[in-house]
Amino acid sequence: MTAPDYGKTFALWREGASKAWGDYTRHAFVEGLGDGTLPRAAFLHYLVQDYVFLVHFSRAWSLGVVKSETLDEMKICAGTVDALVNHEMALHVKTCAAEGIDEATLFAAREEVENLAYTRYVMDAGLQGDFLDLMAALAPCVFGYGEIGLRLIADGPYRDWIDTYKDDEYQNVCEAVGAMLDSAVARRLGDSPENASRWAVLQDRFTTATELEVGFWSMGLRGA
């Protein structure tokens, strides 16, 4: 599959993390979602942990509003928080409710080590760094799920999950975030950001966050 067009910055970061990116987007957990062989217990374990992850992820995107330098950056960050809190998390609540797990239980779930490592890494990137540091750490989740959603065929038991990331609403979020990211990078680093002294640090943040995504899928498989 050709990589989706989510902008120049994503393409550069994706290429710079090619090994980790392949491990992430073609993980055994992902392939099990696509062909329907993923054990239901593993999926539910992942969903509970991902709900907790999204709570922290939403907080990190809220920090993006604080770190923004333009109105467009603020709007995209605020809109992403809305998409996460009011739409994406709803899928987790609906699916888990059908299995007898209510939202209060989801919110209070104990975080796995991989969840702690990933969410705190992203928050630390934003608190210690600037807007670009935060975006580099947030980007793999946003764009990776968009790429996975486009690739998988939504006709098995995990169709609702796949459709959430395949549909136009989520793909539009990816494209909007990608365009905003390109503008933010050009504003701060110029038209050839890959030549900037900061680029290696931003690439490392993106690659590390991608590796933490790999760990998150593996954590999900432990629930089988």
N, C-alpha and C. Protein backbone atom coordinates (compact mmCIF):
# COMPACT_ATOMS: atom_id res chain seq x y z
N MET A 1 0.83 -1.20 0.00
CA MET A 1 0.00 0.00 0.00
C MET A 1 0.87 1.26 0.00
N THR A 2 0.53 2.21 -0.86
CA THR A 2 1.21 3.49 -0.88
C THR A 2 0.83 4.27 0.37
N ALA A 3 1.83 4.94 0.95
CA ALA A 3 1.56 5.71 2.16
C ALA A 3 0.54 6.81 1.87
N PRO A 4 -0.42 7.03 2.75
CA PRO A 4 -1.40 8.09 2.54
C PRO A 4 -0.73 9.46 2.56
N ASP A 5 -1.32 10.41 1.88
CA ASP A 5 -0.77 11.76 1.82
C ASP A 5 -1.30 12.59 2.97
N TYR A 6 -0.54 12.60 4.07
CA TYR A 6 -0.88 13.44 5.21
C TYR A 6 0.13 14.59 5.35
N GLY A 7 0.80 14.93 4.25
CA GLY A 7 1.70 16.07 4.27
C GLY A 7 3.17 15.70 4.21
N LYS A 8 3.99 16.71 3.94
CA LYS A 8 5.43 16.54 3.78
C LYS A 8 6.12 16.10 5.07
N THR A 9 5.75 16.72 6.17
CA THR A 9 6.43 16.42 7.45
C THR A 9 6.22 14.98 7.84
N PHE A 10 4.96 14.51 7.75
CA PHE A 10 4.68 13.12 8.07
C PHE A 10 5.49 12.18 7.17
N ALA A 11 5.53 12.48 5.88
CA ALA A 11 6.26 11.62 4.95
C ALA A 11 7.74 11.52 5.33
N LEU A 12 8.32 12.64 5.71
CA LEU A 12 9.73 12.63 6.12
C LEU A 12 9.94 11.85 7.41
N TRP A 13 9.09 12.09 8.39
CA TRP A 13 9.22 11.38 9.66
C TRP A 13 8.96 9.89 9.49
N ARG A 14 7.99 9.54 8.68
CA ARG A 14 7.66 8.13 8.42
C ARG A 14 8.85 7.42 7.79
N GLU A 15 9.48 8.08 6.81
CA GLU A 15 10.66 7.51 6.15
C GLU A 15 11.82 7.37 7.13
N GLY A 16 11.96 8.35 8.01
CA GLY A 16 13.05 8.32 8.98
C GLY A 16 12.87 7.26 10.06
N ALA A 17 11.67 6.74 10.20
CA ALA A 17 11.37 5.71 11.20
C ALA A 17 10.84 4.45 10.52
N SER A 18 11.34 4.16 9.33
CA SER A 18 10.74 3.12 8.48
C SER A 18 10.65 1.75 9.16
N LYS A 19 11.68 1.33 9.86
CA LYS A 19 11.64 0.02 10.52
C LYS A 19 10.59 0.00 11.61
N ALA A 20 10.62 0.98 12.49
CA ALA A 20 9.63 1.04 13.57
C ALA A 20 8.23 1.22 13.02
N TRP A 21 8.10 2.01 11.95
CA TRP A 21 6.79 2.25 11.36
C TRP A 21 6.18 0.96 10.82
N GLY A 22 6.98 0.14 10.17
CA GLY A 22 6.49 -1.14 9.68
C GLY A 22 6.09 -2.06 10.81
N ASP A 23 6.89 -2.08 11.87
CA ASP A 23 6.57 -2.90 13.05
C ASP A 23 5.25 -2.46 13.68
N TYR A 24 4.98 -1.18 13.63
CA TYR A 24 3.78 -0.60 14.22
C TYR A 24 2.53 -0.86 13.36
N THR A 25 2.60 -0.48 12.10
CA THR A 25 1.40 -0.54 11.25
C THR A 25 1.09 -1.94 10.73
N ARG A 26 2.05 -2.87 10.88
CA ARG A 26 1.81 -4.26 10.44
C ARG A 26 2.06 -5.25 11.58
N HIS A 27 1.84 -4.78 12.78
CA HIS A 27 1.99 -5.62 13.98
C HIS A 27 1.00 -6.78 13.92
N ALA A 28 1.34 -7.87 14.62
CA ALA A 28 0.45 -9.03 14.64
C ALA A 28 -0.94 -8.68 15.15
N PHE A 29 -1.02 -7.75 16.10
CA PHE A 29 -2.32 -7.30 16.61
C PHE A 29 -3.13 -6.66 15.48
N VAL A 30 -2.49 -5.81 14.70
CA VAL A 30 -3.16 -5.14 13.58
C VAL A 30 -3.62 -6.14 12.53
N GLU A 31 -2.75 -7.09 12.20
CA GLU A 31 -3.11 -8.09 11.19
C GLU A 31 -4.28 -8.94 11.68
N GLY A 32 -4.32 -9.20 12.99
CA GLY A 32 -5.44 -9.95 13.56
C GLY A 32 -6.75 -9.19 13.49
N LEU A 33 -6.68 -7.86 13.63
CA LEU A 33 -7.87 -7.04 13.42
C LEU A 33 -8.36 -7.16 11.99
N GLY A 34 -7.41 -7.14 11.06
CA GLY A 34 -7.77 -7.15 9.66
C GLY A 34 -8.36 -8.46 9.17
N ASP A 35 -7.80 -9.58 9.62
CA ASP A 35 -8.32 -10.87 9.14
C ASP A 35 -9.31 -11.52 10.12
N GLY A 36 -9.58 -10.84 11.22
CA GLY A 36 -10.59 -11.31 12.16
C GLY A 36 -10.13 -12.38 13.13
N THR A 37 -8.82 -12.70 13.14
CA THR A 37 -8.32 -13.78 13.99
C THR A 37 -7.89 -13.30 15.38
N LEU A 38 -7.90 -12.00 15.63
CA LEU A 38 -7.51 -11.49 16.94
C LEU A 38 -8.47 -11.99 18.00
N PRO A 39 -7.97 -12.62 19.07
CA PRO A 39 -8.86 -13.09 20.14
C PRO A 39 -9.65 -11.93 20.74
N ARG A 40 -10.93 -12.17 21.01
CA ARG A 40 -11.78 -11.11 21.54
C ARG A 40 -11.24 -10.57 22.87
N ALA A 41 -10.69 -11.46 23.70
CA ALA A 41 -10.15 -11.03 24.99
C ALA A 41 -9.01 -10.04 24.80
N ALA A 42 -8.17 -10.25 23.79
CA ALA A 42 -7.07 -9.34 23.51
C ALA A 42 -7.61 -7.99 23.05
N PHE A 43 -8.65 -8.00 22.23
CA PHE A 43 -9.24 -6.76 21.74
C PHE A 43 -9.83 -5.95 22.89
N LEU A 44 -10.54 -6.62 23.77
CA LEU A 44 -11.16 -5.91 24.90
C LEU A 44 -10.10 -5.37 25.86
N HIS A 45 -9.05 -6.14 26.08
CA HIS A 45 -7.95 -5.68 26.93
C HIS A 45 -7.34 -4.41 26.33
N TYR A 46 -7.12 -4.44 25.03
CA TYR A 46 -6.60 -3.26 24.33
C TYR A 46 -7.56 -2.08 24.44
N LEU A 47 -8.85 -2.32 24.22
CA LEU A 47 -9.83 -1.23 24.24
C LEU A 47 -9.87 -0.52 25.59
N VAL A 48 -9.83 -1.30 26.66
CA VAL A 48 -9.84 -0.70 28.00
C VAL A 48 -8.61 0.18 28.18
N GLN A 49 -7.45 -0.37 27.82
CA GLN A 49 -6.21 0.41 27.95
C GLN A 49 -6.20 1.61 27.00
N ASP A 50 -6.76 1.44 25.80
CA ASP A 50 -6.77 2.53 24.84
C ASP A 50 -7.70 3.65 25.28
N TYR A 51 -8.76 3.31 25.99
CA TYR A 51 -9.64 4.35 26.53
C TYR A 51 -8.85 5.23 27.51
N VAL A 52 -8.10 4.58 28.40
CA VAL A 52 -7.28 5.33 29.36
C VAL A 52 -6.22 6.14 28.61
N PHE A 53 -5.64 5.53 27.59
CA PHE A 53 -4.66 6.24 26.76
C PHE A 53 -5.26 7.49 26.15
N LEU A 54 -6.48 7.39 25.63
CA LEU A 54 -7.11 8.53 24.97
C LEU A 54 -7.43 9.66 25.94
N VAL A 55 -7.67 9.32 27.19
CA VAL A 55 -7.86 10.36 28.21
C VAL A 55 -6.60 11.22 28.30
N HIS A 56 -5.44 10.57 28.39
CA HIS A 56 -4.18 11.30 28.48
C HIS A 56 -3.82 11.95 27.15
N PHE A 57 -4.13 11.27 26.07
CA PHE A 57 -3.84 11.80 24.73
C PHE A 57 -4.62 13.10 24.51
N SER A 58 -5.87 13.11 24.97
CA SER A 58 -6.69 14.33 24.86
C SER A 58 -6.08 15.46 25.66
N ARG A 59 -5.56 15.15 26.83
CA ARG A 59 -4.90 16.18 27.65
C ARG A 59 -3.67 16.73 26.93
N ALA A 60 -2.94 15.84 26.26
CA ALA A 60 -1.75 16.27 25.53
C ALA A 60 -2.12 17.19 24.36
N TRP A 61 -3.19 16.85 23.64
CA TRP A 61 -3.65 17.72 22.56
C TRP A 61 -4.15 19.06 23.11
N SER A 62 -4.71 19.03 24.31
CA SER A 62 -5.11 20.29 24.95
C SER A 62 -3.90 21.16 25.24
N LEU A 63 -2.80 20.51 25.60
CA LEU A 63 -1.55 21.24 25.81
C LEU A 63 -1.09 21.90 24.51
N GLY A 64 -1.44 21.27 23.38
CA GLY A 64 -1.11 21.86 22.09
C GLY A 64 -1.74 23.22 21.91
N VAL A 65 -2.94 23.41 22.46
CA VAL A 65 -3.59 24.73 22.40
C VAL A 65 -2.73 25.76 23.12
N VAL A 66 -2.20 25.36 24.27
CA VAL A 66 -1.36 26.27 25.07
C VAL A 66 -0.07 26.60 24.33
N LYS A 67 0.51 25.61 23.65
CA LYS A 67 1.79 25.79 22.98
C LYS A 67 1.66 26.42 21.60
N SER A 68 0.46 26.56 21.09
CA SER A 68 0.25 27.09 19.74
C SER A 68 0.73 28.53 19.60
N GLU A 69 1.09 28.87 18.37
CA GLU A 69 1.51 30.24 18.07
C GLU A 69 0.54 30.92 17.10
N THR A 70 -0.36 30.14 16.49
CA THR A 70 -1.31 30.72 15.53
C THR A 70 -2.72 30.25 15.86
N LEU A 71 -3.69 30.97 15.33
CA LEU A 71 -5.09 30.59 15.53
C LEU A 71 -5.39 29.26 14.87
N ASP A 72 -4.81 29.02 13.70
CA ASP A 72 -5.04 27.75 13.01
C ASP A 72 -4.53 26.58 13.85
N GLU A 73 -3.37 26.73 14.46
CA GLU A 73 -2.84 25.68 15.32
C GLU A 73 -3.77 25.42 16.49
N MET A 74 -4.28 26.48 17.08
CA MET A 74 -5.21 26.35 18.20
C MET A 74 -6.49 25.62 17.76
N LYS A 75 -7.01 25.99 16.60
CA LYS A 75 -8.25 25.38 16.11
C LYS A 75 -8.08 23.89 15.86
N ILE A 76 -6.96 23.51 15.23
CA ILE A 76 -6.73 22.09 14.92
C ILE A 76 -6.56 21.29 16.21
N CYS A 77 -5.81 21.83 17.16
CA CYS A 77 -5.61 21.12 18.43
C CYS A 77 -6.93 20.98 19.18
N ALA A 78 -7.71 22.05 19.24
CA ALA A 78 -9.00 22.00 19.94
C ALA A 78 -9.96 21.05 19.23
N GLY A 79 -9.94 21.07 17.90
CA GLY A 79 -10.81 20.17 17.14
C GLY A 79 -10.43 18.71 17.33
N THR A 80 -9.14 18.45 17.48
CA THR A 80 -8.68 17.07 17.70
C THR A 80 -9.12 16.58 19.07
N VAL A 81 -9.06 17.44 20.07
CA VAL A 81 -9.56 17.08 21.41
C VAL A 81 -11.04 16.70 21.32
N ASP A 82 -11.81 17.49 20.58
CA ASP A 82 -13.23 17.20 20.41
C ASP A 82 -13.43 15.85 19.73
N ALA A 83 -12.65 15.57 18.68
CA ALA A 83 -12.78 14.30 17.95
C ALA A 83 -12.45 13.12 18.86
N LEU A 84 -11.45 13.29 19.72
CA LEU A 84 -11.05 12.21 20.62
C LEU A 84 -12.10 11.97 21.71
N VAL A 85 -12.47 13.04 22.40
CA VAL A 85 -13.34 12.92 23.57
C VAL A 85 -14.79 12.59 23.18
N ASN A 86 -15.27 13.19 22.13
CA ASN A 86 -16.70 13.06 21.80
C ASN A 86 -17.00 12.05 20.69
N HIS A 87 -15.97 11.51 20.05
CA HIS A 87 -16.23 10.59 18.95
C HIS A 87 -15.45 9.27 19.09
N GLU A 88 -14.11 9.37 19.09
CA GLU A 88 -13.31 8.15 19.12
C GLU A 88 -13.54 7.35 20.40
N MET A 89 -13.59 8.02 21.53
CA MET A 89 -13.79 7.32 22.79
C MET A 89 -15.17 6.68 22.87
N ALA A 90 -16.12 7.20 22.10
CA ALA A 90 -17.47 6.64 22.10
C ALA A 90 -17.49 5.21 21.59
N LEU A 91 -16.61 4.90 20.63
CA LEU A 91 -16.52 3.53 20.11
C LEU A 91 -16.11 2.58 21.23
N HIS A 92 -15.14 2.99 22.03
CA HIS A 92 -14.68 2.16 23.13
C HIS A 92 -15.81 1.93 24.14
N VAL A 93 -16.54 2.99 24.47
CA VAL A 93 -17.64 2.88 25.43
C VAL A 93 -18.72 1.94 24.91
N LYS A 94 -19.10 2.09 23.64
CA LYS A 94 -20.15 1.26 23.04
C LYS A 94 -19.75 -0.21 23.01
N THR A 95 -18.53 -0.47 22.56
CA THR A 95 -18.08 -1.86 22.43
C THR A 95 -17.94 -2.52 23.79
N CYS A 96 -17.36 -1.82 24.75
CA CYS A 96 -17.16 -2.39 26.08
C CYS A 96 -18.49 -2.55 26.82
N ALA A 97 -19.43 -1.64 26.60
CA ALA A 97 -20.74 -1.75 27.24
C ALA A 97 -21.43 -3.04 26.82
N ALA A 98 -21.25 -3.44 25.57
CA ALA A 98 -21.85 -4.67 25.07
C ALA A 98 -21.25 -5.90 25.76
N GLU A 99 -20.07 -5.72 26.36
CA GLU A 99 -19.40 -6.82 27.07
C GLU A 99 -19.56 -6.67 28.58
N GLY A 100 -20.40 -5.73 29.02
CA GLY A 100 -20.65 -5.55 30.44
C GLY A 100 -19.65 -4.67 31.16
N ILE A 101 -18.87 -3.87 30.39
CA ILE A 101 -17.89 -2.97 30.99
C ILE A 101 -18.38 -1.55 30.81
N ASP A 102 -18.75 -0.86 31.92
CA ASP A 102 -19.30 0.48 31.79
C ASP A 102 -18.19 1.54 31.74
N GLU A 103 -18.58 2.79 31.43
CA GLU A 103 -17.59 3.84 31.22
C GLU A 103 -16.85 4.20 32.50
N ALA A 104 -17.52 4.12 33.63
CA ALA A 104 -16.84 4.41 34.89
C ALA A 104 -15.71 3.43 35.14
N THR A 105 -15.95 2.17 34.77
CA THR A 105 -14.91 1.14 34.91
C THR A 105 -13.75 1.42 33.97
N LEU A 106 -14.06 1.86 32.75
CA LEU A 106 -13.02 2.20 31.79
C LEU A 106 -12.14 3.33 32.32
N PHE A 107 -12.77 4.38 32.81
CA PHE A 107 -12.04 5.56 33.27
C PHE A 107 -11.14 5.23 34.45
N ALA A 108 -11.56 4.27 35.27
CA ALA A 108 -10.81 3.93 36.48
C ALA A 108 -9.85 2.77 36.28
N ALA A 109 -9.73 2.27 35.06
CA ALA A 109 -8.90 1.09 34.80
C ALA A 109 -7.44 1.37 35.15
N ARG A 110 -6.77 0.34 35.67
CA ARG A 110 -5.35 0.46 36.02
C ARG A 110 -4.53 0.44 34.74
N GLU A 111 -3.61 1.38 34.62
CA GLU A 111 -2.79 1.49 33.42
C GLU A 111 -1.68 0.43 33.39
N GLU A 112 -1.55 -0.20 32.24
CA GLU A 112 -0.42 -1.10 32.03
C GLU A 112 0.86 -0.28 31.89
N VAL A 113 1.99 -0.94 32.08
CA VAL A 113 3.29 -0.25 32.04
C VAL A 113 3.50 0.42 30.68
N GLU A 114 3.13 -0.27 29.59
CA GLU A 114 3.32 0.29 28.25
C GLU A 114 2.48 1.55 28.05
N ASN A 115 1.32 1.56 28.67
CA ASN A 115 0.43 2.72 28.58
C ASN A 115 1.05 3.91 29.33
N LEU A 116 1.53 3.64 30.51
CA LEU A 116 2.19 4.68 31.31
C LEU A 116 3.39 5.26 30.55
N ALA A 117 4.22 4.37 30.00
CA ALA A 117 5.43 4.81 29.30
C ALA A 117 5.08 5.72 28.13
N TYR A 118 4.10 5.33 27.35
CA TYR A 118 3.75 6.07 26.15
C TYR A 118 3.12 7.43 26.48
N THR A 119 2.08 7.41 27.31
CA THR A 119 1.37 8.66 27.59
C THR A 119 2.25 9.67 28.31
N ARG A 120 3.07 9.20 29.23
CA ARG A 120 3.93 10.13 29.95
C ARG A 120 5.06 10.64 29.07
N TYR A 121 5.50 9.83 28.12
CA TYR A 121 6.51 10.31 27.17
C TYR A 121 5.96 11.47 26.35
N VAL A 122 4.73 11.31 25.88
CA VAL A 122 4.11 12.37 25.07
C VAL A 122 3.93 13.65 25.89
N MET A 123 3.41 13.52 27.10
CA MET A 123 3.21 14.69 27.95
C MET A 123 4.54 15.36 28.27
N ASP A 124 5.56 14.57 28.53
CA ASP A 124 6.88 15.13 28.86
C ASP A 124 7.45 15.89 27.66
N ALA A 125 7.22 15.37 26.45
CA ALA A 125 7.69 16.05 25.24
C ALA A 125 7.06 17.44 25.14
N GLY A 126 5.77 17.51 25.47
CA GLY A 126 5.07 18.78 25.40
C GLY A 126 5.43 19.73 26.52
N LEU A 127 5.64 19.21 27.71
CA LEU A 127 5.93 20.07 28.86
C LEU A 127 7.36 20.60 28.81
N GLN A 128 8.30 19.76 28.38
CA GLN A 128 9.69 20.19 28.32
C GLN A 128 10.01 20.93 27.03
N GLY A 129 9.35 20.52 25.93
CA GLY A 129 9.66 21.10 24.64
C GLY A 129 8.64 22.12 24.19
N ASP A 130 8.70 22.44 22.89
CA ASP A 130 7.77 23.40 22.32
C ASP A 130 6.69 22.68 21.52
N PHE A 131 5.97 23.43 20.71
CA PHE A 131 4.86 22.87 19.94
C PHE A 131 5.32 21.74 19.02
N LEU A 132 6.46 21.90 18.36
CA LEU A 132 6.93 20.86 17.45
C LEU A 132 7.35 19.59 18.19
N ASP A 133 7.95 19.72 19.34
CA ASP A 133 8.29 18.54 20.15
C ASP A 133 7.03 17.74 20.47
N LEU A 134 5.99 18.45 20.87
CA LEU A 134 4.73 17.81 21.21
C LEU A 134 4.11 17.14 19.99
N MET A 135 4.09 17.83 18.86
CA MET A 135 3.49 17.28 17.65
C MET A 135 4.24 16.04 17.16
N ALA A 136 5.55 16.04 17.27
CA ALA A 136 6.34 14.88 16.84
C ALA A 136 6.00 13.65 17.67
N ALA A 137 5.71 13.86 18.96
CA ALA A 137 5.36 12.74 19.82
C ALA A 137 3.91 12.29 19.62
N LEU A 138 3.04 13.22 19.25
CA LEU A 138 1.62 12.90 19.04
C LEU A 138 1.35 12.28 17.67
N ALA A 139 2.16 12.63 16.69
CA ALA A 139 1.87 12.29 15.30
C ALA A 139 1.73 10.80 14.99
N PRO A 140 2.58 9.91 15.52
CA PRO A 140 2.45 8.51 15.12
C PRO A 140 1.07 7.91 15.39
N CYS A 141 0.46 8.26 16.48
CA CYS A 141 -0.86 7.71 16.79
C CYS A 141 -1.90 8.20 15.78
N VAL A 142 -1.94 9.49 15.54
CA VAL A 142 -2.92 10.06 14.62
C VAL A 142 -2.77 9.47 13.23
N PHE A 143 -1.58 9.57 12.67
CA PHE A 143 -1.37 9.16 11.29
C PHE A 143 -1.31 7.65 11.13
N GLY A 144 -0.78 6.96 12.12
CA GLY A 144 -0.68 5.50 12.02
C GLY A 144 -2.04 4.83 11.97
N TYR A 145 -2.96 5.28 12.82
CA TYR A 145 -4.30 4.70 12.80
C TYR A 145 -5.01 5.03 11.49
N GLY A 146 -4.75 6.21 10.94
CA GLY A 146 -5.33 6.55 9.65
C GLY A 146 -4.82 5.63 8.56
N GLU A 147 -3.53 5.38 8.55
CA GLU A 147 -2.93 4.49 7.55
C GLU A 147 -3.44 3.06 7.72
N ILE A 148 -3.50 2.59 8.95
CA ILE A 148 -3.99 1.23 9.22
C ILE A 148 -5.44 1.10 8.79
N GLY A 149 -6.26 2.09 9.12
CA GLY A 149 -7.67 2.05 8.75
C GLY A 149 -7.87 1.95 7.25
N LEU A 150 -7.08 2.68 6.48
CA LEU A 150 -7.20 2.64 5.02
C LEU A 150 -6.79 1.29 4.45
N ARG A 151 -5.80 0.66 5.07
CA ARG A 151 -5.28 -0.61 4.52
C ARG A 151 -6.16 -1.81 4.82
N LEU A 152 -6.72 -1.88 6.02
CA LEU A 152 -7.47 -3.07 6.41
C LEU A 152 -8.84 -3.12 5.71
N ILE A 153 -9.30 -4.32 5.46
CA ILE A 153 -10.61 -4.54 4.85
C ILE A 153 -11.64 -4.69 5.96
N ALA A 154 -12.66 -3.86 5.93
CA ALA A 154 -13.63 -3.82 7.03
C ALA A 154 -14.82 -4.73 6.77
N ASP A 155 -14.58 -6.05 6.87
CA ASP A 155 -15.70 -6.97 6.66
C ASP A 155 -15.72 -8.12 7.67
N GLY A 156 -14.93 -8.00 8.75
CA GLY A 156 -14.87 -9.05 9.76
C GLY A 156 -15.46 -8.60 11.08
N PRO A 157 -15.13 -9.31 12.15
CA PRO A 157 -15.69 -9.00 13.47
C PRO A 157 -15.24 -7.65 14.03
N TYR A 158 -14.17 -7.10 13.48
CA TYR A 158 -13.67 -5.81 13.97
C TYR A 158 -13.96 -4.68 12.98
N ARG A 159 -15.02 -4.86 12.25
CA ARG A 159 -15.40 -3.88 11.22
C ARG A 159 -15.64 -2.49 11.80
N ASP A 160 -16.33 -2.40 12.95
CA ASP A 160 -16.61 -1.09 13.54
C ASP A 160 -15.34 -0.34 13.87
N TRP A 161 -14.35 -1.06 14.41
CA TRP A 161 -13.07 -0.43 14.75
C TRP A 161 -12.40 0.08 13.49
N ILE A 162 -12.30 -0.77 12.48
CA ILE A 162 -11.64 -0.39 11.23
C ILE A 162 -12.36 0.79 10.57
N ASP A 163 -13.69 0.72 10.54
CA ASP A 163 -14.46 1.79 9.91
C ASP A 163 -14.24 3.14 10.58
N THR A 164 -14.02 3.11 11.90
CA THR A 164 -13.79 4.37 12.63
C THR A 164 -12.60 5.13 12.05
N TYR A 165 -11.55 4.39 11.67
CA TYR A 165 -10.33 5.03 11.17
C TYR A 165 -10.26 5.09 9.65
N LYS A 166 -11.09 4.31 8.98
CA LYS A 166 -11.14 4.33 7.53
C LYS A 166 -12.03 5.44 7.00
N ASP A 167 -13.06 5.81 7.75
CA ASP A 167 -14.07 6.72 7.20
C ASP A 167 -13.55 8.14 6.99
N ASP A 168 -14.32 8.90 6.23
CA ASP A 168 -13.90 10.24 5.83
C ASP A 168 -13.66 11.16 7.02
N GLU A 169 -14.45 11.00 8.08
CA GLU A 169 -14.32 11.89 9.23
C GLU A 169 -12.92 11.81 9.83
N TYR A 170 -12.44 10.57 10.06
CA TYR A 170 -11.11 10.43 10.64
C TYR A 170 -10.03 10.80 9.63
N GLN A 171 -10.20 10.40 8.38
CA GLN A 171 -9.21 10.74 7.35
C GLN A 171 -9.09 12.25 7.19
N ASN A 172 -10.20 12.95 7.32
CA ASN A 172 -10.15 14.42 7.25
C ASN A 172 -9.36 15.01 8.41
N VAL A 173 -9.47 14.38 9.59
CA VAL A 173 -8.68 14.82 10.74
C VAL A 173 -7.19 14.66 10.43
N CYS A 174 -6.83 13.50 9.87
CA CYS A 174 -5.42 13.25 9.54
C CYS A 174 -4.89 14.28 8.54
N GLU A 175 -5.69 14.58 7.53
CA GLU A 175 -5.27 15.54 6.52
C GLU A 175 -5.16 16.95 7.10
N ALA A 176 -6.10 17.31 7.96
CA ALA A 176 -6.07 18.64 8.57
C ALA A 176 -4.87 18.78 9.50
N VAL A 177 -4.61 17.74 10.30
CA VAL A 177 -3.45 17.76 11.21
C VAL A 177 -2.16 17.82 10.38
N GLY A 178 -2.11 17.05 9.30
CA GLY A 178 -0.92 17.05 8.44
C GLY A 178 -0.64 18.41 7.83
N ALA A 179 -1.68 19.08 7.36
CA ALA A 179 -1.51 20.41 6.77
C ALA A 179 -1.08 21.42 7.82
N MET A 180 -1.70 21.35 9.00
CA MET A 180 -1.32 22.25 10.08
C MET A 180 0.13 22.01 10.49
N LEU A 181 0.53 20.74 10.55
CA LEU A 181 1.89 20.39 10.94
C LEU A 181 2.90 20.94 9.94
N ASP A 182 2.60 20.82 8.65
CA ASP A 182 3.51 21.37 7.63
C ASP A 182 3.67 22.87 7.80
N SER A 183 2.57 23.57 8.06
CA SER A 183 2.64 25.02 8.25
C SER A 183 3.42 25.37 9.51
N ALA A 184 3.20 24.60 10.58
CA ALA A 184 3.89 24.86 11.85
C ALA A 184 5.40 24.65 11.69
N VAL A 185 5.78 23.60 10.98
CA VAL A 185 7.20 23.32 10.76
C VAL A 185 7.84 24.40 9.90
N ALA A 186 7.16 24.78 8.80
CA ALA A 186 7.70 25.82 7.93
C ALA A 186 7.84 27.15 8.66
N ARG A 187 6.88 27.44 9.52
CA ARG A 187 6.90 28.69 10.28
C ARG A 187 8.11 28.75 11.21
N ARG A 188 8.47 27.63 11.79
CA ARG A 188 9.53 27.60 12.80
C ARG A 188 10.89 27.20 12.24
N LEU A 189 10.90 26.35 11.20
CA LEU A 189 12.17 25.80 10.71
C LEU A 189 12.49 26.14 9.27
N GLY A 190 11.56 26.80 8.57
CA GLY A 190 11.81 27.15 7.18
C GLY A 190 11.30 26.11 6.20
N ASP A 191 11.55 26.35 4.92
CA ASP A 191 11.01 25.49 3.86
C ASP A 191 11.77 24.17 3.69
N SER A 192 12.95 24.07 4.26
CA SER A 192 13.73 22.82 4.19
C SER A 192 14.04 22.37 5.62
N PRO A 193 13.01 21.98 6.37
CA PRO A 193 13.19 21.67 7.79
C PRO A 193 14.15 20.53 8.06
N GLU A 194 14.25 19.60 7.11
CA GLU A 194 15.15 18.46 7.32
C GLU A 194 16.61 18.89 7.43
N ASN A 195 16.93 20.12 7.02
CA ASN A 195 18.29 20.65 7.12
C ASN A 195 18.51 21.46 8.41
N ALA A 196 17.46 21.65 9.18
CA ALA A 196 17.56 22.42 10.41
C ALA A 196 18.26 21.60 11.50
N SER A 197 18.93 22.29 12.41
CA SER A 197 19.68 21.60 13.47
C SER A 197 18.76 20.82 14.39
N ARG A 198 17.49 21.24 14.50
CA ARG A 198 16.55 20.58 15.40
C ARG A 198 15.94 19.32 14.80
N TRP A 199 16.11 19.11 13.53
CA TRP A 199 15.37 18.05 12.86
C TRP A 199 15.63 16.67 13.46
N ALA A 200 16.88 16.39 13.78
CA ALA A 200 17.23 15.07 14.32
C ALA A 200 16.51 14.80 15.63
N VAL A 201 16.35 15.83 16.45
CA VAL A 201 15.65 15.67 17.73
C VAL A 201 14.17 15.37 17.48
N LEU A 202 13.57 16.10 16.54
CA LEU A 202 12.15 15.87 16.23
C LEU A 202 11.95 14.48 15.64
N GLN A 203 12.86 14.06 14.77
CA GLN A 203 12.77 12.72 14.20
C GLN A 203 12.87 11.66 15.29
N ASP A 204 13.76 11.89 16.25
CA ASP A 204 13.92 10.93 17.35
C ASP A 204 12.65 10.85 18.18
N ARG A 205 11.99 11.98 18.40
CA ARG A 205 10.73 11.96 19.15
C ARG A 205 9.68 11.14 18.41
N PHE A 206 9.57 11.36 17.11
CA PHE A 206 8.60 10.63 16.31
C PHE A 206 8.91 9.13 16.32
N THR A 207 10.17 8.79 16.14
CA THR A 207 10.57 7.37 16.12
C THR A 207 10.32 6.71 17.46
N THR A 208 10.66 7.39 18.55
CA THR A 208 10.44 6.83 19.88
C THR A 208 8.95 6.59 20.13
N ALA A 209 8.11 7.57 19.77
CA ALA A 209 6.67 7.40 19.95
C ALA A 209 6.15 6.25 19.11
N THR A 210 6.71 6.05 17.92
CA THR A 210 6.31 4.92 17.08
C THR A 210 6.68 3.60 17.74
N GLU A 211 7.86 3.54 18.32
CA GLU A 211 8.29 2.32 19.03
C GLU A 211 7.38 2.05 20.23
N LEU A 212 6.92 3.11 20.88
CA LEU A 212 5.99 2.93 22.00
C LEU A 212 4.63 2.44 21.52
N GLU A 213 4.25 2.78 20.30
CA GLU A 213 3.02 2.24 19.70
C GLU A 213 3.16 0.73 19.50
N VAL A 214 4.34 0.29 19.09
CA VAL A 214 4.58 -1.15 18.92
C VAL A 214 4.38 -1.87 20.24
N GLY A 215 4.93 -1.29 21.30
CA GLY A 215 4.76 -1.87 22.63
C GLY A 215 3.31 -1.91 23.07
N PHE A 216 2.54 -0.90 22.66
CA PHE A 216 1.13 -0.85 23.04
C PHE A 216 0.36 -2.00 22.40
N TRP A 217 0.62 -2.28 21.12
CA TRP A 217 -0.03 -3.44 20.48
C TRP A 217 0.36 -4.74 21.19
N SER A 218 1.64 -4.88 21.51
CA SER A 218 2.09 -6.11 22.17
C SER A 218 1.43 -6.27 23.52
N MET A 219 1.24 -5.16 24.23
CA MET A 219 0.52 -5.18 25.48
C MET A 219 -0.91 -5.71 25.27
N GLY A 220 -1.55 -5.28 24.19
CA GLY A 220 -2.90 -5.76 23.89
C GLY A 220 -2.95 -7.26 23.73
N LEU A 221 -1.94 -7.83 23.07
CA LEU A 221 -1.91 -9.28 22.85
C LEU A 221 -1.81 -10.07 24.15
N ARG A 222 -1.25 -9.45 25.19
CA ARG A 222 -1.15 -10.14 26.48
C ARG A 222 -2.52 -10.44 27.08
N GLY A 223 -3.54 -9.74 26.62
CA GLY A 223 -4.87 -9.96 27.17
C GLY A 223 -5.56 -11.19 26.63
N ALA A 224 -4.95 -11.85 25.66
CA ALA A 224 -5.59 -13.03 25.04
C ALA A 224 -5.67 -14.18 26.01
